Protein backbone atom coordinates (compact mmCIF):
# COMPACT_ATOMS: atom_id res chain seq x y z
CA MET A 1 -63.57 33.68 -57.68
CA VAL A 2 -62.33 36.46 -59.93
CA ARG A 3 -61.92 39.76 -58.09
CA PRO A 4 -63.94 42.52 -59.81
CA ILE A 5 -61.90 45.30 -61.39
CA ASN A 6 -62.04 48.61 -59.52
CA TYR A 7 -62.08 51.00 -62.49
CA ARG A 8 -62.44 54.02 -60.26
CA LYS A 9 -59.24 53.16 -58.43
CA MET A 10 -57.41 52.51 -61.69
CA LYS A 11 -58.54 55.88 -63.02
CA ILE A 12 -57.10 57.66 -59.99
CA ASN A 13 -53.78 55.81 -60.27
CA PHE A 14 -53.51 56.54 -63.99
CA SER A 15 -54.24 60.23 -63.33
CA ILE A 16 -51.48 60.45 -60.74
CA ILE A 17 -49.01 58.77 -63.06
CA LEU A 18 -49.98 61.01 -65.97
CA VAL A 19 -49.64 64.23 -63.93
CA SER A 20 -46.28 63.08 -62.57
CA LEU A 21 -44.96 62.31 -66.03
CA LEU A 22 -46.14 65.64 -67.42
CA PHE A 23 -44.55 67.51 -64.49
CA LEU A 24 -41.28 65.62 -64.93
CA ALA A 25 -41.26 66.25 -68.69
CA GLU A 26 -41.91 69.95 -68.18
CA PHE A 27 -39.14 70.19 -65.57
CA ILE A 28 -36.64 68.39 -67.77
CA SER A 29 -37.50 70.36 -70.92
CA ALA A 30 -37.32 73.67 -69.04
CA GLN A 31 -33.58 73.26 -68.43
CA PRO A 32 -31.15 74.33 -71.20
CA GLY A 33 -29.67 71.44 -73.13
CA ASN A 34 -26.18 72.59 -72.10
CA ASP A 35 -27.00 72.80 -68.38
CA ASN A 36 -24.16 70.36 -67.62
CA CYS A 37 -20.64 70.00 -68.94
CA GLN A 38 -21.47 66.62 -70.55
CA GLY A 39 -24.01 68.39 -72.76
CA ALA A 40 -21.85 71.39 -73.66
CA ALA A 41 -23.06 73.16 -76.81
CA VAL A 42 -20.53 73.29 -79.65
CA LEU A 43 -19.17 76.67 -80.79
CA VAL A 44 -17.19 77.09 -83.99
CA GLN A 45 -14.28 79.54 -84.05
CA THR A 46 -14.86 82.00 -86.88
CA ALA A 47 -12.90 84.85 -88.47
CA GLY A 48 -15.14 87.53 -86.90
CA CYS A 49 -17.59 87.53 -84.01
CA SER A 50 -20.81 85.74 -85.03
CA PRO A 51 -22.75 85.53 -81.74
CA VAL A 52 -24.70 82.38 -80.89
CA ASN A 53 -27.73 83.00 -78.67
CA GLY A 54 -27.69 81.39 -75.24
CA THR A 55 -29.66 81.39 -71.99
CA THR A 56 -29.24 80.51 -68.33
CA VAL A 57 -32.99 80.54 -67.64
CA ASN A 58 -33.86 77.47 -65.50
CA ALA A 59 -30.23 76.29 -65.54
CA THR A 60 -28.78 74.69 -62.40
CA GLN A 61 -25.36 74.78 -60.76
CA SER A 62 -22.71 72.34 -61.98
CA ILE A 63 -19.67 73.39 -59.94
CA PRO A 64 -18.98 76.28 -57.53
CA ALA A 65 -18.38 79.82 -58.78
CA ILE A 66 -14.82 80.99 -59.40
CA ILE A 67 -13.06 84.07 -58.05
CA CYS A 68 -12.57 86.43 -61.00
CA ALA A 69 -11.02 89.90 -60.76
CA GLY A 70 -11.40 89.65 -56.98
CA LEU A 71 -15.14 88.97 -57.20
CA THR A 72 -17.16 85.83 -56.60
CA GLY A 73 -20.61 85.60 -58.16
CA ASN A 74 -23.17 82.83 -57.84
CA ALA A 75 -23.03 79.91 -60.30
CA ASP A 76 -26.56 78.66 -59.62
CA ASP A 77 -27.42 78.97 -63.34
CA ASP A 78 -24.24 77.94 -65.20
CA VAL A 79 -24.34 76.63 -68.79
CA TRP A 80 -21.55 75.09 -70.87
CA TYR A 81 -19.99 75.45 -74.32
CA THR A 82 -17.06 73.76 -76.03
CA PHE A 83 -14.89 74.84 -78.96
CA THR A 84 -11.82 73.65 -80.82
CA ALA A 85 -9.07 76.26 -81.12
CA THR A 86 -8.00 76.94 -84.72
CA THR A 87 -5.49 79.62 -83.63
CA SER A 88 -3.40 79.97 -80.49
CA ASN A 89 -5.05 83.21 -79.41
CA PRO A 90 -8.79 83.27 -80.11
CA THR A 91 -10.99 86.02 -78.70
CA ILE A 92 -14.14 85.23 -76.71
CA TYR A 93 -17.04 87.67 -76.39
CA VAL A 94 -20.10 87.19 -74.18
CA ILE A 95 -22.65 89.92 -74.95
CA GLY A 96 -25.21 90.21 -72.18
CA ASP A 97 -28.79 91.29 -72.81
CA PRO A 98 -29.75 94.49 -70.90
CA SER A 99 -30.50 92.75 -67.59
CA PHE A 100 -27.91 89.97 -67.76
CA ASP A 101 -24.60 90.35 -65.87
CA ALA A 102 -22.33 87.61 -67.23
CA VAL A 103 -19.42 85.77 -65.62
CA VAL A 104 -17.25 83.89 -68.14
CA ASP A 105 -15.09 80.93 -67.09
CA VAL A 106 -12.77 79.40 -69.73
CA ARG A 107 -11.52 75.91 -68.88
CA SER A 108 -9.31 73.17 -70.22
CA ASP A 109 -10.96 70.13 -71.83
CA LEU A 110 -12.47 67.20 -69.95
CA CYS A 111 -15.39 67.92 -67.64
CA ASP A 112 -15.16 70.04 -65.57
CA GLY A 113 -11.69 71.13 -66.64
CA ILE A 114 -9.36 73.64 -64.98
CA ASN A 115 -9.93 77.39 -65.10
CA ILE A 116 -7.44 79.14 -67.42
CA TYR A 117 -9.18 82.48 -68.17
CA CYS A 118 -12.12 84.43 -66.80
CA ALA A 119 -13.96 87.74 -67.23
CA ASP A 120 -16.27 89.57 -64.82
CA ALA A 121 -15.67 93.26 -65.44
CA LYS A 122 -18.96 94.58 -66.81
CA GLY A 123 -22.41 95.06 -65.34
CA PRO A 124 -25.81 94.10 -66.76
CA GLY A 125 -25.91 94.44 -70.55
CA GLY A 126 -22.12 94.64 -70.85
CA THR A 127 -19.81 92.70 -73.15
CA GLU A 128 -17.24 90.52 -71.38
CA ARG A 129 -14.09 90.12 -73.50
CA ILE A 130 -11.34 87.50 -73.12
CA TYR A 131 -8.20 87.66 -75.27
CA THR A 132 -6.53 84.28 -74.94
CA GLY A 133 -2.98 83.26 -75.75
CA GLY A 134 -0.94 80.08 -75.90
CA LEU A 135 -3.83 77.73 -76.66
CA ALA A 136 -3.04 74.49 -78.46
CA VAL A 137 -4.33 74.51 -82.03
CA GLY A 138 -6.68 71.56 -82.48
CA ALA A 139 -7.33 71.19 -78.74
CA SER A 140 -10.81 71.55 -77.23
CA TYR A 141 -11.69 74.02 -74.48
CA LEU A 142 -14.75 74.68 -72.34
CA ILE A 143 -16.60 77.94 -71.68
CA ARG A 144 -18.89 78.16 -68.65
CA ILE A 145 -21.27 81.14 -68.42
CA TYR A 146 -23.48 82.18 -65.50
CA SER A 147 -25.06 85.31 -64.07
CA TYR A 148 -23.22 87.19 -61.31
CA GLY A 149 -26.29 87.34 -59.07
CA SER A 150 -28.33 84.57 -57.47
CA GLY A 151 -31.90 83.44 -58.00
CA THR A 152 -34.16 83.25 -61.03
CA SER A 153 -34.44 87.03 -61.37
CA THR A 154 -30.76 87.27 -62.41
CA GLN A 155 -30.96 84.56 -65.07
CA GLY A 156 -31.12 85.70 -68.65
CA THR A 157 -29.98 85.55 -72.25
CA PHE A 158 -26.78 86.47 -74.05
CA GLY A 159 -24.73 86.04 -77.20
CA VAL A 160 -21.40 84.18 -77.24
CA CYS A 161 -18.76 83.93 -79.96
CA VAL A 162 -15.20 82.64 -80.41
CA PHE A 163 -13.23 84.23 -83.21
CA GLY A 164 -9.81 84.81 -84.80
CA SER A 165 -7.16 86.84 -83.07
CA PRO A 166 -7.52 90.14 -81.19
CA PRO A 167 -8.35 92.90 -83.70
CA TYR A 168 -5.51 94.94 -85.10
CA PRO A 169 -4.92 98.32 -83.43
CA PRO A 170 -7.04 101.18 -84.82
CA VAL A 171 -5.53 103.02 -87.78
CA ASN A 172 -5.14 106.13 -85.58
CA ASP A 173 -3.35 104.27 -82.78
CA ASP A 174 -0.45 106.74 -82.88
CA CYS A 175 -0.17 110.48 -83.40
CA TYR A 176 1.43 110.23 -86.84
CA SER A 177 -1.69 108.55 -88.26
CA ALA A 178 -4.23 110.86 -86.57
CA THR A 179 -7.67 110.75 -88.22
CA PRO A 180 -9.27 114.04 -89.42
CA ILE A 181 -12.48 114.79 -87.50
CA ASP A 182 -15.51 114.67 -89.78
CA ASN A 183 -18.32 115.90 -87.45
CA PRO A 184 -18.96 113.38 -86.21
CA SER A 185 -16.21 110.82 -86.54
CA TYR A 186 -16.70 107.37 -85.11
CA GLY A 187 -13.80 106.01 -83.09
CA SER A 188 -12.74 103.05 -80.98
CA THR A 189 -9.93 102.33 -78.53
CA ILE A 190 -10.37 98.55 -78.73
CA ASN A 191 -6.87 97.00 -78.93
CA ALA A 192 -5.23 100.44 -79.07
CA THR A 193 -1.83 100.86 -77.40
CA LYS A 194 -0.27 103.55 -75.25
CA SER A 195 1.39 106.55 -76.90
CA LEU A 196 1.94 108.98 -74.01
CA GLU A 197 1.43 109.19 -70.28
CA PRO A 198 -2.08 110.23 -69.16
CA VAL A 199 -2.91 113.84 -68.33
CA THR A 200 -4.19 114.97 -64.95
CA CYS A 201 -7.59 116.47 -65.67
CA GLY A 202 -9.92 117.95 -63.08
CA GLY A 203 -7.65 116.64 -60.33
CA ILE A 204 -7.82 112.97 -61.45
CA THR A 205 -5.56 110.85 -63.64
CA GLY A 206 -6.75 107.83 -65.61
CA TRP A 207 -4.83 105.30 -67.70
CA SER A 208 -3.81 106.00 -71.30
CA ASP A 209 -3.10 102.39 -72.28
CA ASP A 210 -5.58 102.66 -75.18
CA ASP A 211 -5.16 106.18 -76.58
CA VAL A 212 -6.11 107.06 -80.17
CA TRP A 213 -5.57 110.28 -82.11
CA PHE A 214 -7.61 112.75 -84.19
CA LYS A 215 -6.79 116.11 -85.77
CA PHE A 216 -8.58 119.24 -87.01
CA ASP A 217 -7.84 122.74 -88.28
CA ALA A 218 -9.29 125.45 -86.03
CA GLU A 219 -12.10 127.42 -87.67
CA THR A 220 -12.76 129.49 -84.54
CA VAL A 221 -10.69 130.65 -81.58
CA ASN A 222 -12.97 128.88 -79.08
CA PRO A 223 -14.12 125.49 -80.40
CA THR A 224 -15.86 122.79 -78.39
CA ILE A 225 -14.70 119.19 -78.81
CA THR A 226 -17.58 116.84 -77.96
CA VAL A 227 -16.96 113.14 -77.27
CA ILE A 228 -19.96 110.87 -76.69
CA GLY A 229 -18.96 107.59 -75.05
CA GLY A 230 -20.64 104.30 -75.93
CA ASN A 231 -21.96 101.97 -73.23
CA TYR A 232 -19.37 101.51 -70.46
CA PHE A 233 -16.81 103.77 -72.22
CA ASP A 234 -15.51 106.52 -69.92
CA ALA A 235 -13.67 108.99 -72.17
CA VAL A 236 -10.75 111.27 -71.36
CA VAL A 237 -10.20 114.03 -73.94
CA ASP A 238 -6.77 115.66 -74.35
CA LEU A 239 -6.39 118.66 -76.74
CA ARG A 240 -2.80 119.30 -77.89
CA SER A 241 -0.86 121.60 -80.15
CA PHE A 242 0.84 120.40 -83.33
CA PRO A 243 3.23 118.71 -84.23
CA CYS A 244 2.93 115.16 -82.90
CA THR A 245 2.59 114.69 -79.14
CA GLY A 246 2.58 118.48 -78.82
CA THR A 247 1.82 120.44 -75.66
CA PRO A 248 -1.35 119.76 -73.64
CA LEU A 249 -3.71 122.75 -73.92
CA PHE A 250 -7.09 121.69 -72.52
CA CYS A 251 -8.68 118.47 -71.29
CA ALA A 252 -12.06 117.04 -70.27
CA ASP A 253 -12.86 114.17 -67.90
CA ALA A 254 -16.02 115.21 -66.08
CA THR A 255 -18.62 112.53 -66.87
CA PRO A 256 -18.80 108.79 -66.15
CA ALA A 257 -19.02 105.88 -68.59
CA GLY A 258 -21.43 106.53 -71.45
CA GLY A 259 -21.38 110.26 -70.74
CA ILE A 260 -20.75 113.30 -72.93
CA GLU A 261 -17.46 115.15 -72.55
CA ASN A 262 -17.51 118.79 -73.74
CA LEU A 263 -14.01 120.25 -73.94
CA LYS A 264 -14.35 124.03 -74.36
CA ALA A 265 -11.12 125.47 -75.73
CA SER A 266 -10.15 129.11 -76.11
CA GLY A 267 -7.40 131.20 -77.66
CA LEU A 268 -6.73 128.86 -80.59
CA THR A 269 -5.27 130.18 -83.84
CA ILE A 270 -7.72 130.05 -86.74
CA GLY A 271 -6.34 127.86 -89.55
CA SER A 272 -3.78 126.09 -87.36
CA PRO A 273 -3.87 122.28 -86.86
CA TYR A 274 -4.55 120.71 -83.46
CA LEU A 275 -4.52 117.18 -82.08
CA VAL A 276 -7.16 115.41 -79.98
CA ARG A 277 -6.11 112.35 -77.98
CA ILE A 278 -8.90 110.13 -76.58
CA TYR A 279 -8.58 107.18 -74.20
CA SER A 280 -10.61 105.38 -71.56
CA TYR A 281 -10.27 106.41 -67.92
CA GLY A 282 -9.85 102.78 -66.78
CA ASP A 283 -7.11 100.30 -67.62
CA GLY A 284 -7.21 96.91 -69.32
CA THR A 285 -9.10 95.52 -72.28
CA ASN A 286 -12.52 95.71 -70.62
CA SER A 287 -12.33 99.51 -70.32
CA MET A 288 -11.78 99.95 -74.07
CA GLY A 289 -14.75 100.97 -76.18
CA ASP A 290 -16.42 103.04 -78.87
CA PHE A 291 -17.34 106.72 -79.11
CA THR A 292 -18.04 109.63 -81.47
CA VAL A 293 -16.08 112.89 -81.64
CA SER A 294 -16.99 116.23 -83.23
CA VAL A 295 -15.75 119.85 -83.26
CA SER A 296 -18.04 122.88 -83.23
CA GLU A 297 -17.91 126.56 -82.40
CA THR A 298 -18.56 127.28 -78.73
CA VAL A 299 -21.99 128.90 -78.48
CA CYS A 300 -22.89 131.41 -75.79
CA LEU A 301 -26.37 130.31 -74.67
CA THR A 302 -28.79 133.08 -73.75
CA CYS A 303 -32.16 133.15 -72.02
CA PRO A 304 -34.31 131.01 -72.09
CA ASP A 305 -31.62 128.43 -72.93
CA TYR A 306 -29.19 127.65 -70.12
CA ASP A 307 -26.09 125.65 -69.28
CA PHE A 308 -26.73 124.96 -65.57
CA TYR A 309 -29.61 124.82 -63.12
CA LEU A 310 -29.24 126.14 -59.56
CA THR A 311 -31.36 125.78 -56.42
CA PRO A 312 -30.10 128.35 -53.87
CA GLY A 313 -30.38 127.60 -50.15
CA PRO A 314 -29.89 129.44 -46.87
CA GLU A 315 -26.15 128.57 -46.84
CA TRP A 316 -23.56 129.71 -49.33
CA GLN A 317 -23.14 127.35 -52.26
CA VAL A 318 -20.49 127.57 -54.99
CA HIS A 319 -20.56 126.56 -58.63
CA TYR A 320 -17.20 126.15 -60.38
CA SER A 321 -16.87 126.63 -64.14
CA LEU A 322 -15.07 128.56 -66.88
CA ILE A 323 -15.86 130.55 -69.99
CA ASN A 324 -13.95 130.90 -73.23
CA SER A 325 -13.10 133.91 -75.35
CA GLU A 326 -16.34 135.79 -76.13
CA GLY A 327 -18.24 132.98 -74.37
CA CYS A 328 -20.60 132.91 -71.40
CA ASN A 329 -22.50 130.60 -69.05
CA ASN A 330 -26.20 130.90 -68.47
CA TYR A 331 -27.99 129.65 -65.33
CA GLN A 332 -31.66 128.93 -64.71
CA ILE A 333 -32.59 129.52 -61.05
CA SER A 334 -35.78 128.64 -59.16
CA VAL A 335 -36.93 131.57 -56.98
CA THR A 336 -39.64 132.20 -54.36
CA ALA A 337 -41.37 135.53 -53.80
CA GLY A 338 -40.01 137.41 -50.76
CA ASN A 339 -36.61 135.74 -50.71
CA GLU A 340 -33.50 137.84 -51.22
CA TYR A 341 -30.92 136.31 -53.56
CA THR A 342 -27.21 137.07 -53.81
CA PHE A 343 -24.91 136.08 -56.68
CA LYS A 344 -21.23 137.05 -56.75
CA THR A 345 -17.80 136.24 -58.20
CA GLY A 346 -15.73 137.75 -55.39
CA CYS A 347 -15.84 139.16 -51.84
CA GLY A 348 -15.33 135.84 -50.05
CA ASP A 349 -17.64 132.90 -49.27
CA GLY A 350 -15.83 130.83 -51.88
CA ALA A 351 -16.48 133.26 -54.75
CA THR A 352 -13.47 133.89 -57.01
CA ALA A 353 -12.59 134.66 -60.62
CA ASP A 354 -9.34 135.04 -62.55
CA PHE A 355 -10.80 137.55 -65.04
CA ASP A 356 -12.99 140.67 -65.12
CA THR A 357 -16.54 139.31 -64.76
CA TYR A 358 -19.96 140.73 -65.61
CA LEU A 359 -23.27 139.41 -64.20
CA GLU A 360 -26.70 139.96 -65.74
CA LEU A 361 -30.04 138.81 -64.28
CA TYR A 362 -33.18 138.23 -66.41
CA ASP A 363 -36.77 137.39 -65.44
CA PHE A 364 -38.87 134.50 -66.82
CA ASN A 365 -39.70 136.60 -69.92
CA CYS A 366 -35.96 137.15 -70.49
CA ASP A 367 -36.31 140.86 -69.70
CA SER A 368 -33.32 142.39 -67.89
CA ILE A 369 -33.69 142.80 -64.12
CA SER A 370 -30.22 143.80 -63.01
CA GLY A 371 -26.60 143.84 -64.08
CA ASP A 372 -23.23 144.46 -62.44
CA ASP A 373 -19.58 144.79 -63.44
CA ASN A 374 -17.41 145.87 -60.46
CA ASN A 375 -19.76 145.97 -57.45
CA CYS A 376 -17.70 143.35 -55.57
CA GLU A 377 -14.00 144.20 -55.42
CA GLU A 378 -12.23 145.47 -58.50
CA ASN A 379 -13.19 143.50 -61.63
CA ARG A 380 -15.58 141.24 -59.66
CA SER A 381 -19.37 141.30 -59.75
CA LYS A 382 -22.26 141.01 -57.28
CA ILE A 383 -26.06 141.15 -57.61
CA VAL A 384 -28.45 141.27 -54.64
CA TRP A 385 -32.12 140.94 -55.63
CA GLU A 386 -35.43 140.30 -53.84
CA ALA A 387 -37.82 138.09 -55.82
CA PRO A 388 -41.33 139.61 -56.36
CA PHE A 389 -42.67 136.37 -57.89
CA ASN A 390 -42.43 132.57 -57.83
CA GLY A 391 -40.83 130.93 -60.83
CA PHE A 392 -37.53 131.08 -62.72
CA VAL A 393 -34.91 133.70 -63.42
CA TYR A 394 -31.77 133.52 -65.56
CA LEU A 395 -28.26 134.59 -64.56
CA ASN A 396 -25.66 135.17 -67.28
CA ILE A 397 -21.95 135.42 -66.51
CA HIS A 398 -19.44 136.59 -69.09
CA GLY A 399 -16.35 138.71 -69.42
CA SER A 400 -16.70 142.48 -69.27
CA ASN A 401 -14.75 142.73 -72.55
CA PRO A 402 -13.74 140.30 -75.36
CA ASP A 403 -10.34 139.69 -73.76
CA ALA A 404 -11.85 138.75 -70.37
CA TYR A 405 -12.41 135.00 -69.90
CA GLY A 406 -11.20 132.18 -67.67
CA SER A 407 -12.19 130.21 -64.56
CA TYR A 408 -14.51 131.33 -61.79
CA ALA A 409 -16.41 130.22 -58.69
CA LEU A 410 -19.93 131.65 -58.49
CA ALA A 411 -21.21 131.91 -54.89
CA TYR A 412 -24.96 132.17 -54.26
CA GLU A 413 -27.47 132.04 -51.37
CA ILE A 414 -30.94 133.15 -50.19
CA SER A 415 -31.92 134.69 -46.87
CA ASP A 416 -34.82 132.35 -46.04
CA PRO A 417 -34.68 128.52 -45.83
CA VAL A 418 -35.99 126.38 -48.66
CA SER A 419 -37.24 122.81 -48.64
CA ILE A 420 -34.82 120.08 -49.67
CA PRO A 421 -36.01 117.68 -52.41
CA GLN A 422 -36.94 114.14 -51.38
CA PRO A 423 -33.90 111.84 -51.34
CA LEU A 424 -33.27 109.68 -54.34
CA VAL A 425 -33.34 105.90 -53.90
CA ASP A 426 -30.19 103.80 -53.92
CA SER A 427 -29.18 101.90 -57.04
CA PRO A 428 -30.20 98.26 -57.67
CA LEU A 429 -26.83 97.13 -56.25
CA PRO A 430 -26.76 98.98 -52.89
CA ASP A 431 -25.57 95.95 -50.93
CA LEU A 432 -22.16 96.02 -52.64
CA VAL A 433 -21.09 99.34 -51.08
CA ILE A 434 -21.86 101.20 -47.85
CA VAL A 435 -21.38 104.86 -46.90
CA TYR A 436 -21.09 105.65 -43.19
CA PRO A 437 -21.71 107.47 -40.93
CA ASN A 438 -24.76 108.82 -42.72
CA PRO A 439 -25.69 111.59 -41.91
CA ALA A 440 -22.09 112.80 -41.54
CA SER A 441 -20.88 116.03 -39.99
CA SER A 442 -17.24 116.10 -41.10
CA ALA A 443 -15.78 112.82 -42.37
CA PHE A 444 -17.40 109.74 -43.89
CA LYS A 445 -16.23 106.44 -45.37
CA ILE A 446 -16.99 104.52 -48.54
CA GLU A 447 -16.45 100.77 -48.14
CA SER A 448 -16.73 97.71 -50.39
CA LEU A 449 -18.60 94.80 -48.80
CA LYS A 450 -18.13 92.17 -51.51
CA GLN A 451 -14.68 92.79 -52.96
CA VAL A 452 -15.99 95.28 -55.50
CA SER A 453 -13.22 97.10 -57.34
CA PHE A 454 -13.61 100.89 -57.25
CA THR A 455 -12.59 103.28 -60.01
CA LYS A 456 -13.78 106.77 -59.15
CA VAL A 457 -16.49 108.70 -57.32
CA VAL A 458 -18.58 111.56 -58.72
CA VAL A 459 -20.38 113.79 -56.19
CA TYR A 460 -23.66 115.45 -57.27
CA ASP A 461 -25.96 117.78 -55.41
CA TYR A 462 -29.73 117.45 -55.63
CA THR A 463 -29.93 119.66 -58.71
CA ASP A 464 -27.83 117.03 -60.56
CA ARG A 465 -24.92 119.45 -60.54
CA MET A 466 -21.56 117.72 -60.39
CA ILE A 467 -19.55 118.92 -57.37
CA ARG A 468 -16.36 116.85 -57.38
CA VAL A 469 -14.70 113.86 -59.06
CA PHE A 470 -11.98 111.82 -57.38
CA ARG A 471 -10.27 108.49 -57.87
CA MET A 472 -10.82 105.62 -55.46
CA GLU A 473 -8.90 102.35 -55.66
CA GLU A 474 -8.73 101.08 -52.09
CA PRO A 475 -11.61 99.00 -50.61
CA VAL A 476 -12.17 101.55 -47.81
CA LYS A 477 -11.67 105.29 -48.15
CA SER A 478 -12.11 107.97 -45.48
CA ILE A 479 -13.16 111.32 -46.90
CA ASP A 480 -13.24 114.74 -45.25
CA SER A 481 -16.37 116.57 -46.41
CA GLY A 482 -14.52 119.83 -45.85
CA ASP A 483 -11.94 118.84 -48.45
CA LEU A 484 -14.81 118.40 -50.93
CA GLU A 485 -16.32 121.72 -49.78
CA LEU A 486 -19.66 120.05 -49.10
CA THR A 487 -22.08 122.32 -47.27
CA PRO A 488 -24.95 120.86 -45.18
CA GLY A 489 -27.49 119.22 -47.46
CA LEU A 490 -28.23 116.09 -49.44
CA TYR A 491 -25.87 114.65 -52.07
CA ILE A 492 -25.65 111.67 -54.39
CA LEU A 493 -22.40 109.71 -54.65
CA ALA A 494 -22.09 108.03 -58.05
CA ILE A 495 -19.50 105.30 -57.45
CA GLU A 496 -17.97 103.62 -60.50
CA THR A 497 -17.14 99.94 -59.91
CA ASN A 498 -16.35 96.97 -62.10
CA LYS A 499 -19.95 95.83 -61.55
CA GLY A 500 -21.43 99.10 -62.81
CA TRP A 501 -22.40 102.42 -61.26
CA ILE A 502 -23.73 102.42 -57.69
CA HIS A 503 -25.58 105.48 -56.40
CA LYS A 504 -25.65 106.19 -52.66
CA ARG A 505 -27.41 109.02 -50.85
CA LEU A 506 -25.33 111.09 -48.39
CA GLU A 507 -26.54 113.74 -45.98
CA ILE A 508 -24.11 116.32 -44.60
CA VAL A 509 -25.17 118.01 -41.36
CA LYS A 510 -23.61 120.75 -39.25
């Protein structure tokens, strides 16, 4: 007897098979074609960088991650490329999209090869650069790329290129070929070489292995040289007299990578030539970068414009700055009715000045409230004022005569306590660095947990005012808050590492 066909059962079996095949096809197609070394995508070495788009989305691990620059990422999404060297020293760029933090592993031919170069110096969105040397022309090499982090959220897209030789040094690599500043002038330190030793600026000293030179003729006695750093470029600005190499006159190194450096000069001779040397604070090829530079007359801002914002508290605080010839600094200050406010440039509590100061206080309409020349020691100023309203006032500090200018420390306080702003959150990479004890009463430590390389630390208060900058190279550093002159309150430590900037909150208590 012939067994009847169970169509219902067959339908169920066919459905299961069809779903399984579709799932398998979707899984296979979701992985990049170059997920494994055997399927490495071919790159062609070109004269200039012509990026090829790539992705690690849905890629899987081929071999373990390498240790690069003392760091070990997670290779759970590595993809592969291959190229044939047409010169002995091709350059490799991997340009990460804004959220992609690339690790680049260059290997000899034959899967999975042997590591010969690597790069892991930038954070998300950075460009990893490898300048090779001694490759065999005509030989094939492998490039493995993966994200530093783990999990699908760190996967992403990038551009990769292999091209010629390292670029020639910039035309203004040495002082004798300094480029005239053209407001603005675009510059680069990529592949620049060292001309002179670095300057110590603001108590810190960077590396001048990539310095380039500009020049201008002074049109005012107190110009401002402004340098705007590109992504990941941390500029140091060194103003010098003519002729070449000259004598250092002024410098600026106050902001982190991508920041704006404003070098305010004074006492220059109108019509005379001057030199501007610019280099990156860090060392090595990955610290090199692009920027713009311009020269303008230093402007004395007046109410309602201001240079700095202050939030006085019940303890003495100090703001350090300087003014140039015929210049000034203007502060906007939040005040509360009934509080008594004191501002001074002498008479202790950290207040000092090396010139004859003058203080002027204005209300929110920019009408004068009070002014003082010598109320605090000879040639030093002090204003004590009780606020009759809530809102803002403006404090202007300048020299009492055109020949009075220089550095000062403005001390300020109120008699009644004020609320402290809510603490800022840590950066997206807080697990790489710890700060302890926190709160701290006297000393605290900054420590790397995952072999992060430190560069420097910038201390800000909760008004975003920069307090101190200091270098940090060791994996653990003990810091005396008294040496930084930190009064009780909340601060933000902006820590520059080779994986990007990490922000940590710090509370100082009595």
